[in-house]
Amino acid sequence: MRPRTALPHWRRIAGAVAVLALSALASGCGSAEPAGPGPTTTTAPVASAAPPGPPAAAVTTPPPPPPPVATPEPAPATTEAPPPAYYANCAAAKAAGAAPLHRGDPGYRAALDRDGDGTACEK
């Protein structure tokens, strides 16, 4: 026969709890009828240590942002280049109604600008 070992700690506690519960039931602690007037306990109101502070501010939520306004898409820019112009001489530019021609204008070229000031067919 094996020697008996000590019971684990939890097992001893569980056994003691079971014995206490059975003895309480046997003595009538668990009966439905009251055994008599039991001790009454009263609680005194406890004063708070801190004085009352200012009332809490009402929490307001900001209104939701307005819905985004649909903006119409701009019309695509027309990037049509002006028609290339070539004037054989200042008389042709004047006949077309384009004279005087300035540097950067269609049809301007250095050969039509006699004094080189950037304006052709000025006279």
PDB file of N, CA and C in Angstrom:
ATOM      1  N   MET A   1       0.828  -1.164   0.000  1.00  0.00           N
ATOM      2  CA  MET A   1       0.000   0.000   0.000  1.00  0.00           C
ATOM      3  C   MET A   1       0.891   1.252   0.000  1.00  0.00           C
ATOM      4  N   ARG A   2       0.467   2.249  -0.766  1.00  0.00           N
ATOM      5  CA  ARG A   2       1.236   3.486  -0.891  1.00  0.00           C
ATOM      6  C   ARG A   2       1.011   4.373   0.328  1.00  0.00           C
ATOM      7  N   PRO A   3       2.029   5.104   0.692  1.00  0.00           N
ATOM      8  CA  PRO A   3       1.828   6.008   1.824  1.00  0.00           C
ATOM      9  C   PRO A   3       0.932   7.172   1.410  1.00  0.00           C
ATOM     10  N   ARG A   4       0.146   7.640   2.322  1.00  0.00           N
ATOM     11  CA  ARG A   4      -0.799   8.728   2.044  1.00  0.00           C
ATOM     12  C   ARG A   4      -0.027  10.053   2.013  1.00  0.00           C
ATOM     13  N   THR A   5      -0.301  10.855   0.963  1.00  0.00           N
ATOM     14  CA  THR A   5       0.372  12.157   0.831  1.00  0.00           C
ATOM     15  C   THR A   5      -0.581  13.235   1.296  1.00  0.00           C
ATOM     16  N   ALA A   6      -0.058  14.359   1.614  1.00  0.00           N
ATOM     17  CA  ALA A   6      -0.876  15.487   2.074  1.00  0.00           C
ATOM     18  C   ALA A   6      -1.722  16.009   0.907  1.00  0.00           C
ATOM     19  N   LEU A   7      -2.920  16.469   1.220  1.00  0.00           N
ATOM     20  CA  LEU A   7      -3.810  17.023   0.202  1.00  0.00           C
ATOM     21  C   LEU A   7      -3.307  18.391  -0.248  1.00  0.00           C
ATOM     22  N   PRO A   8      -3.595  18.752  -1.495  1.00  0.00           N
ATOM     23  CA  PRO A   8      -3.215  20.096  -1.952  1.00  0.00           C
ATOM     24  C   PRO A   8      -3.979  21.150  -1.147  1.00  0.00           C
ATOM     25  N   HIS A   9      -3.464  22.348  -1.134  1.00  0.00           N
ATOM     26  CA  HIS A   9      -4.028  23.449  -0.355  1.00  0.00           C
ATOM     27  C   HIS A   9      -5.470  23.759  -0.765  1.00  0.00           C
ATOM     28  N   TRP A  10      -5.734  23.810  -2.035  1.00  0.00           N
ATOM     29  CA  TRP A  10      -7.083  24.138  -2.494  1.00  0.00           C
ATOM     30  C   TRP A  10      -8.089  23.076  -2.088  1.00  0.00           C
ATOM     31  N   ARG A  11      -7.639  21.848  -2.005  1.00  0.00           N
ATOM     32  CA  ARG A  11      -8.538  20.757  -1.647  1.00  0.00           C
ATOM     33  C   ARG A  11      -8.946  20.856  -0.182  1.00  0.00           C
ATOM     34  N   ARG A  12      -8.009  21.260   0.674  1.00  0.00           N
ATOM     35  CA  ARG A  12      -8.316  21.426   2.083  1.00  0.00           C
ATOM     36  C   ARG A  12      -9.292  22.577   2.296  1.00  0.00           C
ATOM     37  N   ILE A  13      -9.114  23.678   1.535  1.00  0.00           N
ATOM     38  CA  ILE A  13     -10.021  24.828   1.657  1.00  0.00           C
ATOM     39  C   ILE A  13     -11.409  24.443   1.165  1.00  0.00           C
ATOM     40  N   ALA A  14     -11.503  23.731   0.066  1.00  0.00           N
ATOM     41  CA  ALA A  14     -12.808  23.318  -0.458  1.00  0.00           C
ATOM     42  C   ALA A  14     -13.526  22.426   0.542  1.00  0.00           C
ATOM     43  N   GLY A  15     -12.820  21.567   1.212  1.00  0.00           N
ATOM     44  CA  GLY A  15     -13.441  20.704   2.221  1.00  0.00           C
ATOM     45  C   GLY A  15     -13.965  21.506   3.395  1.00  0.00           C
ATOM     46  N   ALA A  16     -13.222  22.495   3.846  1.00  0.00           N
ATOM     47  CA  ALA A  16     -13.652  23.316   4.970  1.00  0.00           C
ATOM     48  C   ALA A  16     -14.884  24.117   4.608  1.00  0.00           C
ATOM     49  N   VAL A  17     -14.959  24.630   3.391  1.00  0.00           N
ATOM     50  CA  VAL A  17     -16.129  25.386   2.940  1.00  0.00           C
ATOM     51  C   VAL A  17     -17.344  24.474   2.898  1.00  0.00           C
ATOM     52  N   ALA A  18     -17.191  23.260   2.452  1.00  0.00           N
ATOM     53  CA  ALA A  18     -18.315  22.323   2.385  1.00  0.00           C
ATOM     54  C   ALA A  18     -18.830  22.004   3.781  1.00  0.00           C
ATOM     55  N   VAL A  19     -17.945  21.830   4.741  1.00  0.00           N
ATOM     56  CA  VAL A  19     -18.357  21.535   6.124  1.00  0.00           C
ATOM     57  C   VAL A  19     -19.113  22.712   6.709  1.00  0.00           C
ATOM     58  N   LEU A  20     -18.637  23.932   6.474  1.00  0.00           N
ATOM     59  CA  LEU A  20     -19.325  25.121   6.983  1.00  0.00           C
ATOM     60  C   LEU A  20     -20.696  25.281   6.353  1.00  0.00           C
ATOM     61  N   ALA A  21     -20.815  25.032   5.069  1.00  0.00           N
ATOM     62  CA  ALA A  21     -22.105  25.168   4.396  1.00  0.00           C
ATOM     63  C   ALA A  21     -23.102  24.154   4.918  1.00  0.00           C
ATOM     64  N   LEU A  22     -22.687  22.927   5.116  1.00  0.00           N
ATOM     65  CA  LEU A  22     -23.594  21.896   5.630  1.00  0.00           C
ATOM     66  C   LEU A  22     -24.019  22.185   7.066  1.00  0.00           C
ATOM     67  N   SER A  23     -23.124  22.709   7.866  1.00  0.00           N
ATOM     68  CA  SER A  23     -23.495  23.020   9.244  1.00  0.00           C
ATOM     69  C   SER A  23     -24.454  24.199   9.298  1.00  0.00           C
ATOM     70  N   ALA A  24     -24.307  25.171   8.383  1.00  0.00           N
ATOM     71  CA  ALA A  24     -25.223  26.305   8.343  1.00  0.00           C
ATOM     72  C   ALA A  24     -26.615  25.847   7.933  1.00  0.00           C
ATOM     73  N   LEU A  25     -26.714  24.938   6.997  1.00  0.00           N
ATOM     74  CA  LEU A  25     -28.015  24.427   6.570  1.00  0.00           C
ATOM     75  C   LEU A  25     -28.662  23.597   7.679  1.00  0.00           C
ATOM     76  N   ALA A  26     -27.890  22.844   8.385  1.00  0.00           N
ATOM     77  CA  ALA A  26     -28.432  22.008   9.451  1.00  0.00           C
ATOM     78  C   ALA A  26     -28.932  22.848  10.612  1.00  0.00           C
ATOM     79  N   SER A  27     -28.358  23.996  10.861  1.00  0.00           N
ATOM     80  CA  SER A  27     -28.780  24.824  11.980  1.00  0.00           C
ATOM     81  C   SER A  27     -29.965  25.691  11.637  1.00  0.00           C
ATOM     82  N   GLY A  28     -30.418  25.696  10.410  1.00  0.00           N
ATOM     83  CA  GLY A  28     -31.600  26.465  10.027  1.00  0.00           C
ATOM     84  C   GLY A  28     -31.289  27.814   9.437  1.00  0.00           C
ATOM     85  N   CYS A  29     -30.066  28.085   9.164  1.00  0.00           N
ATOM     86  CA  CYS A  29     -29.697  29.377   8.559  1.00  0.00           C
ATOM     87  C   CYS A  29     -30.301  29.530   7.176  1.00  0.00           C
ATOM     88  N   GLY A  30     -30.488  28.468   6.485  1.00  0.00           N
ATOM     89  CA  GLY A  30     -30.989  28.547   5.123  1.00  0.00           C
ATOM     90  C   GLY A  30     -32.481  28.360   5.040  1.00  0.00           C
ATOM     91  N   SER A  31     -33.231  28.362   6.178  1.00  0.00           N
ATOM     92  CA  SER A  31     -34.676  28.129   6.139  1.00  0.00           C
ATOM     93  C   SER A  31     -35.387  29.346   5.590  1.00  0.00           C
ATOM     94  N   ALA A  32     -36.600  29.126   5.111  1.00  0.00           N
ATOM     95  CA  ALA A  32     -37.374  30.186   4.501  1.00  0.00           C
ATOM     96  C   ALA A  32     -37.992  31.096   5.552  1.00  0.00           C
ATOM     97  N   GLU A  33     -38.204  30.586   6.769  1.00  0.00           N
ATOM     98  CA  GLU A  33     -38.810  31.399   7.824  1.00  0.00           C
ATOM     99  C   GLU A  33     -37.723  32.172   8.537  1.00  0.00           C
ATOM    100  N   PRO A  34     -38.021  33.425   8.858  1.00  0.00           N
ATOM    101  CA  PRO A  34     -37.010  34.180   9.585  1.00  0.00           C
ATOM    102  C   PRO A  34     -36.878  33.645  11.000  1.00  0.00           C
ATOM    103  N   ALA A  35     -35.689  33.585  11.528  1.00  0.00           N
ATOM    104  CA  ALA A  35     -35.433  33.058  12.855  1.00  0.00           C
ATOM    105  C   ALA A  35     -35.798  34.057  13.925  1.00  0.00           C
ATOM    106  N   GLY A  36     -35.881  35.273  13.623  1.00  0.00           N
ATOM    107  CA  GLY A  36     -36.215  36.303  14.595  1.00  0.00           C
ATOM    108  C   GLY A  36     -35.642  37.613  14.127  1.00  0.00           C
ATOM    109  N   PRO A  37     -35.902  38.646  14.949  1.00  0.00           N
ATOM    110  CA  PRO A  37     -35.346  39.929  14.519  1.00  0.00           C
ATOM    111  C   PRO A  37     -33.829  39.883  14.576  1.00  0.00           C
ATOM    112  N   GLY A  38     -33.256  40.206  13.481  1.00  0.00           N
ATOM    113  CA  GLY A  38     -31.804  40.198  13.392  1.00  0.00           C
ATOM    114  C   GLY A  38     -31.261  41.572  13.718  1.00  0.00           C
ATOM    115  N   PRO A  39     -29.995  41.684  13.773  1.00  0.00           N
ATOM    116  CA  PRO A  39     -29.418  42.998  14.060  1.00  0.00           C
ATOM    117  C   PRO A  39     -29.696  43.957  12.901  1.00  0.00           C
ATOM    118  N   THR A  40     -30.022  45.164  13.237  1.00  0.00           N
ATOM    119  CA  THR A  40     -30.282  46.166  12.213  1.00  0.00           C
ATOM    120  C   THR A  40     -29.076  47.077  12.100  1.00  0.00           C
ATOM    121  N   THR A  41     -28.816  47.488  10.916  1.00  0.00           N
ATOM    122  CA  THR A  41     -27.698  48.404  10.703  1.00  0.00           C
ATOM    123  C   THR A  41     -28.233  49.658  10.061  1.00  0.00           C
ATOM    124  N   THR A  42     -27.710  50.761  10.490  1.00  0.00           N
ATOM    125  CA  THR A  42     -28.078  52.031   9.881  1.00  0.00           C
ATOM    126  C   THR A  42     -26.811  52.678   9.353  1.00  0.00           C
ATOM    127  N   THR A  43     -26.976  53.442   8.319  1.00  0.00           N
ATOM    128  CA  THR A  43     -25.829  54.145   7.762  1.00  0.00           C
ATOM    129  C   THR A  43     -26.077  55.628   7.898  1.00  0.00           C
ATOM    130  N   ALA A  44     -25.105  56.320   8.374  1.00  0.00           N
ATOM    131  CA  ALA A  44     -25.207  57.769   8.512  1.00  0.00           C
ATOM    132  C   ALA A  44     -24.779  58.405   7.201  1.00  0.00           C
ATOM    133  N   PRO A  45     -25.406  59.524   6.855  1.00  0.00           N
ATOM    134  CA  PRO A  45     -24.977  60.198   5.620  1.00  0.00           C
ATOM    135  C   PRO A  45     -23.549  60.700   5.774  1.00  0.00           C
ATOM    136  N   VAL A  46     -22.805  60.546   4.731  1.00  0.00           N
ATOM    137  CA  VAL A  46     -21.403  60.948   4.744  1.00  0.00           C
ATOM    138  C   VAL A  46     -21.285  62.269   4.006  1.00  0.00           C
ATOM    139  N   ALA A  47     -20.685  63.232   4.681  1.00  0.00           N
ATOM    140  CA  ALA A  47     -20.484  64.535   4.046  1.00  0.00           C
ATOM    141  C   ALA A  47     -19.286  64.437   3.111  1.00  0.00           C
ATOM    142  N   SER A  48     -19.404  65.064   1.951  1.00  0.00           N
ATOM    143  CA  SER A  48     -18.283  65.023   1.015  1.00  0.00           C
ATOM    144  C   SER A  48     -17.203  65.979   1.493  1.00  0.00           C
ATOM    145  N   ALA A  49     -15.993  65.625   1.231  1.00  0.00           N
ATOM    146  CA  ALA A  49     -14.860  66.416   1.693  1.00  0.00           C
ATOM    147  C   ALA A  49     -14.672  67.672   0.856  1.00  0.00           C
ATOM    148  N   ALA A  50     -15.009  67.629  -0.397  1.00  0.00           N
ATOM    149  CA  ALA A  50     -14.780  68.765  -1.285  1.00  0.00           C
ATOM    150  C   ALA A  50     -16.080  69.547  -1.462  1.00  0.00           C
ATOM    151  N   PRO A  51     -16.000  70.876  -1.457  1.00  0.00           N
ATOM    152  CA  PRO A  51     -17.220  71.653  -1.709  1.00  0.00           C
ATOM    153  C   PRO A  51     -17.661  71.457  -3.152  1.00  0.00           C
ATOM    154  N   PRO A  52     -18.953  71.614  -3.392  1.00  0.00           N
ATOM    155  CA  PRO A  52     -19.427  71.416  -4.767  1.00  0.00           C
ATOM    156  C   PRO A  52     -18.847  72.483  -5.684  1.00  0.00           C
ATOM    157  N   GLY A  53     -18.462  72.073  -6.859  1.00  0.00           N
ATOM    158  CA  GLY A  53     -17.869  72.982  -7.834  1.00  0.00           C
ATOM    159  C   GLY A  53     -18.958  73.633  -8.685  1.00  0.00           C
ATOM    160  N   PRO A  54     -18.547  74.396  -9.655  1.00  0.00           N
ATOM    161  CA  PRO A  54     -19.533  75.020 -10.543  1.00  0.00           C
ATOM    162  C   PRO A  54     -20.258  73.937 -11.336  1.00  0.00           C
ATOM    163  N   PRO A  55     -21.476  74.228 -11.750  1.00  0.00           N
ATOM    164  CA  PRO A  55     -22.212  73.219 -12.522  1.00  0.00           C
ATOM    165  C   PRO A  55     -21.481  72.907 -13.817  1.00  0.00           C
ATOM    166  N   ALA A  56     -21.608  71.687 -14.236  1.00  0.00           N
ATOM    167  CA  ALA A  56     -20.946  71.253 -15.470  1.00  0.00           C
ATOM    168  C   ALA A  56     -21.553  71.990 -16.657  1.00  0.00           C
ATOM    169  N   ALA A  57     -20.693  72.399 -17.558  1.00  0.00           N
ATOM    170  CA  ALA A  57     -21.163  73.099 -18.763  1.00  0.00           C
ATOM    171  C   ALA A  57     -21.856  72.102 -19.676  1.00  0.00           C
ATOM    172  N   ALA A  58     -22.900  72.577 -20.303  1.00  0.00           N
ATOM    173  CA  ALA A  58     -23.625  71.723 -21.235  1.00  0.00           C
ATOM    174  C   ALA A  58     -22.735  71.440 -22.443  1.00  0.00           C
ATOM    175  N   VAL A  59     -22.699  70.215 -22.832  1.00  0.00           N
ATOM    176  CA  VAL A  59     -21.887  69.820 -23.975  1.00  0.00           C
ATOM    177  C   VAL A  59     -22.736  69.972 -25.228  1.00  0.00           C
ATOM    178  N   THR A  60     -22.268  70.809 -26.098  1.00  0.00           N
ATOM    179  CA  THR A  60     -22.991  70.989 -27.358  1.00  0.00           C
ATOM    180  C   THR A  60     -22.096  70.517 -28.484  1.00  0.00           C
ATOM    181  N   THR A  61     -22.702  69.875 -29.406  1.00  0.00           N
ATOM    182  CA  THR A  61     -21.939  69.427 -30.566  1.00  0.00           C
ATOM    183  C   THR A  61     -22.121  70.449 -31.672  1.00  0.00           C
ATOM    184  N   PRO A  62     -21.059  70.754 -32.387  1.00  0.00           N
ATOM    185  CA  PRO A  62     -21.190  71.727 -33.472  1.00  0.00           C
ATOM    186  C   PRO A  62     -22.053  71.146 -34.583  1.00  0.00           C
ATOM    187  N   PRO A  63     -22.736  72.015 -35.291  1.00  0.00           N
ATOM    188  CA  PRO A  63     -23.576  71.510 -36.390  1.00  0.00           C
ATOM    189  C   PRO A  63     -22.703  70.880 -37.461  1.00  0.00           C
ATOM    190  N   PRO A  64     -23.242  69.926 -38.179  1.00  0.00           N
ATOM    191  CA  PRO A  64     -22.433  69.292 -39.226  1.00  0.00           C
ATOM    192  C   PRO A  64     -22.103  70.300 -40.319  1.00  0.00           C
ATOM    193  N   PRO A  65     -20.969  70.144 -40.966  1.00  0.00           N
ATOM    194  CA  PRO A  65     -20.609  71.080 -42.031  1.00  0.00           C
ATOM    195  C   PRO A  65     -21.582  70.948 -43.198  1.00  0.00           C
ATOM    196  N   PRO A  66     -21.794  72.043 -43.894  1.00  0.00           N
ATOM    197  CA  PRO A  66     -22.722  71.972 -45.035  1.00  0.00           C
ATOM    198  C   PRO A  66     -22.165  71.048 -46.109  1.00  0.00           C
ATOM    199  N   PRO A  67     -23.049  70.448 -46.870  1.00  0.00           N
ATOM    200  CA  PRO A  67     -22.561  69.558 -47.933  1.00  0.00           C
ATOM    201  C   PRO A  67     -21.781  70.362 -48.967  1.00  0.00           C
ATOM    202  N   PRO A  68     -20.804  69.747 -49.579  1.00  0.00           N
ATOM    203  CA  PRO A  68     -20.015  70.477 -50.572  1.00  0.00           C
ATOM    204  C   PRO A  68     -20.876  70.873 -51.768  1.00  0.00           C
ATOM    205  N   VAL A  69     -20.616  72.056 -52.240  1.00  0.00           N
ATOM    206  CA  VAL A  69     -21.363  72.581 -53.383  1.00  0.00           C
ATOM    207  C   VAL A  69     -20.700  72.063 -54.656  1.00  0.00           C
ATOM    208  N   ALA A  70     -21.502  71.498 -55.504  1.00  0.00           N
ATOM    209  CA  ALA A  70     -20.970  70.980 -56.762  1.00  0.00           C
ATOM    210  C   ALA A  70     -20.664  72.159 -57.681  1.00  0.00           C
ATOM    211  N   THR A  71     -19.427  72.296 -58.045  1.00  0.00           N
ATOM    212  CA  THR A  71     -19.047  73.367 -58.953  1.00  0.00           C
ATOM    213  C   THR A  71     -18.945  72.783 -60.354  1.00  0.00           C
ATOM    214  N   PRO A  72     -19.522  73.470 -61.293  1.00  0.00           N
ATOM    215  CA  PRO A  72     -19.428  72.953 -62.662  1.00  0.00           C
ATOM    216  C   PRO A  72     -17.987  73.004 -63.132  1.00  0.00           C
ATOM    217  N   GLU A  73     -17.615  72.010 -63.877  1.00  0.00           N
ATOM    218  CA  GLU A  73     -16.256  71.974 -64.392  1.00  0.00           C
ATOM    219  C   GLU A  73     -16.111  73.033 -65.479  1.00  0.00           C
ATOM    220  N   PRO A  74     -14.992  73.732 -65.477  1.00  0.00           N
ATOM    221  CA  PRO A  74     -14.813  74.764 -66.500  1.00  0.00           C
ATOM    222  C   PRO A  74     -14.698  74.124 -67.881  1.00  0.00           C
ATOM    223  N   ALA A  75     -15.170  74.865 -68.826  1.00  0.00           N
ATOM    224  CA  ALA A  75     -15.087  74.386 -70.201  1.00  0.00           C
ATOM    225  C   ALA A  75     -13.618  74.287 -70.600  1.00  0.00           C
ATOM    226  N   PRO A  76     -13.271  73.297 -71.362  1.00  0.00           N
ATOM    227  CA  PRO A  76     -11.862  73.184 -71.755  1.00  0.00           C
ATOM    228  C   PRO A  76     -11.432  74.411 -72.552  1.00  0.00           C
ATOM    229  N   ALA A  77     -10.275  74.896 -72.218  1.00  0.00           N
ATOM    230  CA  ALA A  77      -9.765  76.084 -72.900  1.00  0.00           C
ATOM    231  C   ALA A  77      -9.407  75.726 -74.342  1.00  0.00           C
ATOM    232  N   THR A  78      -9.782  76.606 -75.208  1.00  0.00           N
ATOM    233  CA  THR A  78      -9.429  76.380 -76.613  1.00  0.00           C
ATOM    234  C   THR A  78      -8.007  76.880 -76.811  1.00  0.00           C
ATOM    235  N   THR A  79      -7.180  76.006 -77.210  1.00  0.00           N
ATOM    236  CA  THR A  79      -5.780  76.371 -77.429  1.00  0.00           C
ATOM    237  C   THR A  79      -5.468  76.342 -78.920  1.00  0.00           C
ATOM    238  N   GLU A  80      -6.404  76.860 -79.657  1.00  0.00           N
ATOM    239  CA  GLU A  80      -6.168  76.908 -81.108  1.00  0.00           C
ATOM    240  C   GLU A  80      -5.156  78.007 -81.393  1.00  0.00           C
ATOM    241  N   ALA A  81      -4.120  77.651 -82.060  1.00  0.00           N
ATOM    242  CA  ALA A  81      -3.120  78.639 -82.439  1.00  0.00           C
ATOM    243  C   ALA A  81      -3.676  79.476 -83.590  1.00  0.00           C
ATOM    244  N   PRO A  82      -3.342  80.735 -83.601  1.00  0.00           N
ATOM    245  CA  PRO A  82      -3.811  81.536 -84.727  1.00  0.00           C
ATOM    246  C   PRO A  82      -3.215  80.990 -86.027  1.00  0.00           C
ATOM    247  N   PRO A  83      -3.938  81.141 -87.081  1.00  0.00           N
ATOM    248  CA  PRO A  83      -3.417  80.608 -88.334  1.00  0.00           C
ATOM    249  C   PRO A  83      -2.086  81.267 -88.674  1.00  0.00           C
ATOM    250  N   PRO A  84      -1.165  80.469 -89.147  1.00  0.00           N
ATOM    251  CA  PRO A  84       0.129  81.062 -89.486  1.00  0.00           C
ATOM    252  C   PRO A  84      -0.064  82.110 -90.587  1.00  0.00           C
ATOM    253  N   ALA A  85       0.630  83.190 -90.410  1.00  0.00           N
ATOM    254  CA  ALA A  85       0.503  84.268 -91.401  1.00  0.00           C
ATOM    255  C   ALA A  85       1.878  84.558 -91.997  1.00  0.00           C
ATOM    256  N   TYR A  86       1.856  84.817 -93.263  1.00  0.00           N
ATOM    257  CA  TYR A  86       3.080  85.226 -93.935  1.00  0.00           C
ATOM    258  C   TYR A  86       2.691  86.356 -94.876  1.00  0.00           C
ATOM    259  N   TYR A  87       3.379  87.451 -94.694  1.00  0.00           N
ATOM    260  CA  TYR A  87       3.120  88.589 -95.560  1.00  0.00           C
ATOM    261  C   TYR A  87       4.384  88.820 -96.380  1.00  0.00           C
ATOM    262  N   ALA A  88       4.212  88.825 -97.657  1.00  0.00           N
ATOM    263  CA  ALA A  88       5.366  89.014 -98.548  1.00  0.00           C
ATOM    264  C   ALA A  88       5.995  90.383 -98.351  1.00  0.00           C
ATOM    265  N   ASN A  89       5.164  91.383 -98.076  1.00  0.00           N
ATOM    266  CA  ASN A  89       5.672  92.724 -97.854  1.00  0.00           C
ATOM    267  C   ASN A  89       4.680  93.495 -96.983  1.00  0.00           C
ATOM    268  N   CYS A  90       4.986  94.736 -96.687  1.00  0.00           N
ATOM    269  CA  CYS A  90       4.113  95.525 -95.811  1.00  0.00           C
ATOM    270  C   CYS A  90       2.807  95.860 -96.505  1.00  0.00           C
ATOM    271  N   ALA A  91       2.796  95.969 -97.813  1.00  0.00           N
ATOM    272  CA  ALA A  91       1.551  96.260 -98.529  1.00  0.00           C
ATOM    273  C   ALA A  91       0.569  95.117 -98.326  1.00  0.00           C
ATOM    274  N   ALA A  92       1.057  93.866 -98.336  1.00  0.00           N
ATOM    275  CA  ALA A  92       0.182  92.707 -98.124  1.00  0.00           C
ATOM    276  C   ALA A  92      -0.332  92.693 -96.677  1.00  0.00           C
ATOM    277  N   ALA A  93       0.497  93.054 -95.711  1.00  0.00           N
ATOM    278  CA  ALA A  93       0.071  93.097 -94.312  1.00  0.00           C
ATOM    279  C   ALA A  93      -0.969  94.186 -94.107  1.00  0.00           C
ATOM    280  N   LYS A  94      -0.779  95.350 -94.746  1.00  0.00           N
ATOM    281  CA  LYS A  94      -1.753  96.427 -94.633  1.00  0.00           C
ATOM    282  C   LYS A  94      -3.050  96.068 -95.324  1.00  0.00           C
ATOM    283  N   ALA A  95      -2.988  95.356 -96.446  1.00  0.00           N
ATOM    284  CA  ALA A  95      -4.200  94.939 -97.159  1.00  0.00           C
ATOM    285  C   ALA A  95      -4.989  93.937 -96.327  1.00  0.00           C
ATOM    286  N   ALA A  96      -4.300  93.104 -95.527  1.00  0.00           N
ATOM    287  CA  ALA A  96      -4.980  92.123 -94.673  1.00  0.00           C
ATOM    288  C   ALA A  96      -5.491  92.759 -93.390  1.00  0.00           C
ATOM    289  N   GLY A  97      -5.122  94.008 -93.130  1.00  0.00           N
ATOM    290  CA  GLY A  97      -5.566  94.706 -91.920  1.00  0.00           C
ATOM    291  C   GLY A  97      -4.752  94.322 -90.696  1.00  0.00           C
ATOM    292  N   ALA A  98      -3.559  93.746 -90.888  1.00  0.00           N
ATOM    293  CA  ALA A  98      -2.742  93.294 -89.776  1.00  0.00           C
ATOM    294  C   ALA A  98      -1.652  94.280 -89.395  1.00  0.00           C
ATOM    295  N   ALA A  99      -1.425  95.337 -90.192  1.00  0.00           N
ATOM    296  CA  ALA A  99      -0.336  96.258 -89.922  1.00  0.00           C
ATOM    297  C   ALA A  99      -0.780  97.251 -88.864  1.00  0.00           C
ATOM    298  N   PRO A 100       0.063  97.696 -87.995  1.00  0.00           N
ATOM    299  CA  PRO A 100       1.458  97.348 -87.817  1.00  0.00           C
ATOM    300  C   PRO A 100       1.603  96.010 -87.067  1.00  0.00           C
ATOM    301  N   LEU A 101       2.661  95.299 -87.374  1.00  0.00           N
ATOM    302  CA  LEU A 101       2.950  94.011 -86.737  1.00  0.00           C
ATOM    303  C   LEU A 101       3.996  94.218 -85.655  1.00  0.00           C
ATOM    304  N   HIS A 102       3.768  93.619 -84.487  1.00  0.00           N
ATOM    305  CA  HIS A 102       4.721  93.721 -83.378  1.00  0.00           C
ATOM    306  C   HIS A 102       5.438  92.384 -83.193  1.00  0.00           C
ATOM    307  N   ARG A 103       6.626  92.448 -82.611  1.00  0.00           N
ATOM    308  CA  ARG A 103       7.390  91.235 -82.389  1.00  0.00           C
ATOM    309  C   ARG A 103       6.552  90.261 -81.567  1.00  0.00           C
ATOM    310  N   GLY A 104       6.372  89.007 -82.025  1.00  0.00           N
ATOM    311  CA  GLY A 104       5.542  87.987 -81.381  1.00  0.00           C
ATOM    312  C   GLY A 104       4.202  87.810 -82.069  1.00  0.00           C
ATOM    313  N   ASP A 105       3.793  88.797 -82.865  1.00  0.00           N
ATOM    314  CA  ASP A 105       2.533  88.655 -83.603  1.00  0.00           C
ATOM    315  C   ASP A 105       2.729  87.690 -84.761  1.00  0.00           C
ATOM    316  N   PRO A 106       1.634  86.964 -85.140  1.00  0.00           N
ATOM    317  CA  PRO A 106       1.743  86.113 -86.331  1.00  0.00           C
ATOM    318  C   PRO A 106       2.043  86.977 -87.564  1.00  0.00           C
ATOM    319  N   GLY A 107       2.968  86.544 -88.368  1.00  0.00           N
ATOM    320  CA  GLY A 107       3.322  87.267 -89.588  1.00  0.00           C
ATOM    321  C   GLY A 107       4.477  88.234 -89.403  1.00  0.00           C
ATOM    322  N   TYR A 108       4.867  88.556 -88.163  1.00  0.00           N
ATOM    323  CA  TYR A 108       6.009  89.449 -87.950  1.00  0.00           C
ATOM    324  C   TYR A 108       7.286  88.716 -88.314  1.00  0.00           C
ATOM    325  N   ARG A 109       8.152  89.431 -88.985  1.00  0.00           N
ATOM    326  CA  ARG A 109       9.484  88.924 -89.254  1.00  0.00           C
ATOM    327  C   ARG A 109      10.411  90.112 -89.366  1.00  0.00           C
ATOM    328  N   ALA A 110      11.671  89.858 -89.100  1.00  0.00           N
ATOM    329  CA  ALA A 110      12.652  90.942 -89.048  1.00  0.00           C
ATOM    330  C   ALA A 110      12.812  91.643 -90.400  1.00  0.00           C
ATOM    331  N   ALA A 111      12.532  90.943 -91.497  1.00  0.00           N
ATOM    332  CA  ALA A 111      12.691  91.565 -92.827  1.00  0.00           C
ATOM    333  C   ALA A 111      11.676  92.685 -93.039  1.00  0.00           C
ATOM    334  N   LEU A 112      10.521  92.638 -92.338  1.00  0.00           N
ATOM    335  CA  LEU A 112       9.519  93.687 -92.490  1.00  0.00           C
ATOM    336  C   LEU A 112       9.773  94.859 -91.541  1.00  0.00           C
ATOM    337  N   ASP A 113      10.651  94.682 -90.556  1.00  0.00           N
ATOM    338  CA  ASP A 113      10.950  95.732 -89.572  1.00  0.00           C
ATOM    339  C   ASP A 113      12.189  96.484 -90.031  1.00  0.00           C
ATOM    340  N   ARG A 114      11.994  97.664 -90.651  1.00  0.00           N
ATOM    341  CA  ARG A 114      13.094  98.403 -91.242  1.00  0.00           C
ATOM    342  C   ARG A 114      14.064  98.953 -90.206  1.00  0.00           C
ATOM    343  N   ASP A 115      13.549  99.497 -89.062  1.00  0.00           N
ATOM    344  CA  ASP A 115      14.459 100.132 -88.104  1.00  0.00           C
ATOM    345  C   ASP A 115      14.820  99.220 -86.924  1.00  0.00           C
ATOM    346  N   GLY A 116      14.284  97.990 -86.883  1.00  0.00           N
ATOM    347  CA  GLY A 116      14.628  97.014 -85.858  1.00  0.00           C
ATOM    348  C   GLY A 116      14.112  97.332 -84.476  1.00  0.00           C
ATOM    349  N   ASP A 117      13.039  98.129 -84.360  1.00  0.00           N
ATOM    350  CA  ASP A 117      12.500  98.483 -83.056  1.00  0.00           C
ATOM    351  C   ASP A 117      11.426  97.510 -82.555  1.00  0.00           C
ATOM    352  N   GLY A 118      11.118  96.462 -83.305  1.00  0.00           N
ATOM    353  CA  GLY A 118      10.124  95.475 -82.897  1.00  0.00           C
ATOM    354  C   GLY A 118       8.744  95.725 -83.471  1.00  0.00           C
ATOM    355  N   THR A 119       8.599  96.743 -84.265  1.00  0.00           N
ATOM    356  CA  THR A 119       7.326  97.040 -84.910  1.00  0.00           C
ATOM    357  C   THR A 119       7.564  97.078 -86.416  1.00  0.00           C
ATOM    358  N   ALA A 120       6.868  96.206 -87.155  1.00  0.00           N
ATOM    359  CA  ALA A 120       7.038  96.146 -88.620  1.00  0.00           C
ATOM    360  C   ALA A 120       5.861  96.845 -89.282  1.00  0.00           C
ATOM    361  N   CYS A 121       6.081  97.333 -90.439  1.00  0.00           N
ATOM    362  CA  CYS A 121       5.051  97.986 -91.264  1.00  0.00           C
ATOM    363  C   CYS A 121       4.363  99.105 -90.509  1.00  0.00           C
ATOM    364  N   GLU A 122       5.164  99.942 -89.845  1.00  0.00           N
ATOM    365  CA  GLU A 122       4.562 101.008 -89.033  1.00  0.00           C
ATOM    366  C   GLU A 122       4.253 102.263 -89.823  1.00  0.00           C
ATOM    367  N   LYS A 123       4.747 102.422 -91.024  1.00  0.00           N
ATOM    368  CA  LYS A 123       4.464 103.610 -91.813  1.00  0.00           C
ATOM    369  C   LYS A 123       3.651 103.295 -93.005  1.00  0.00           C
TER     370      LYS A 123
END
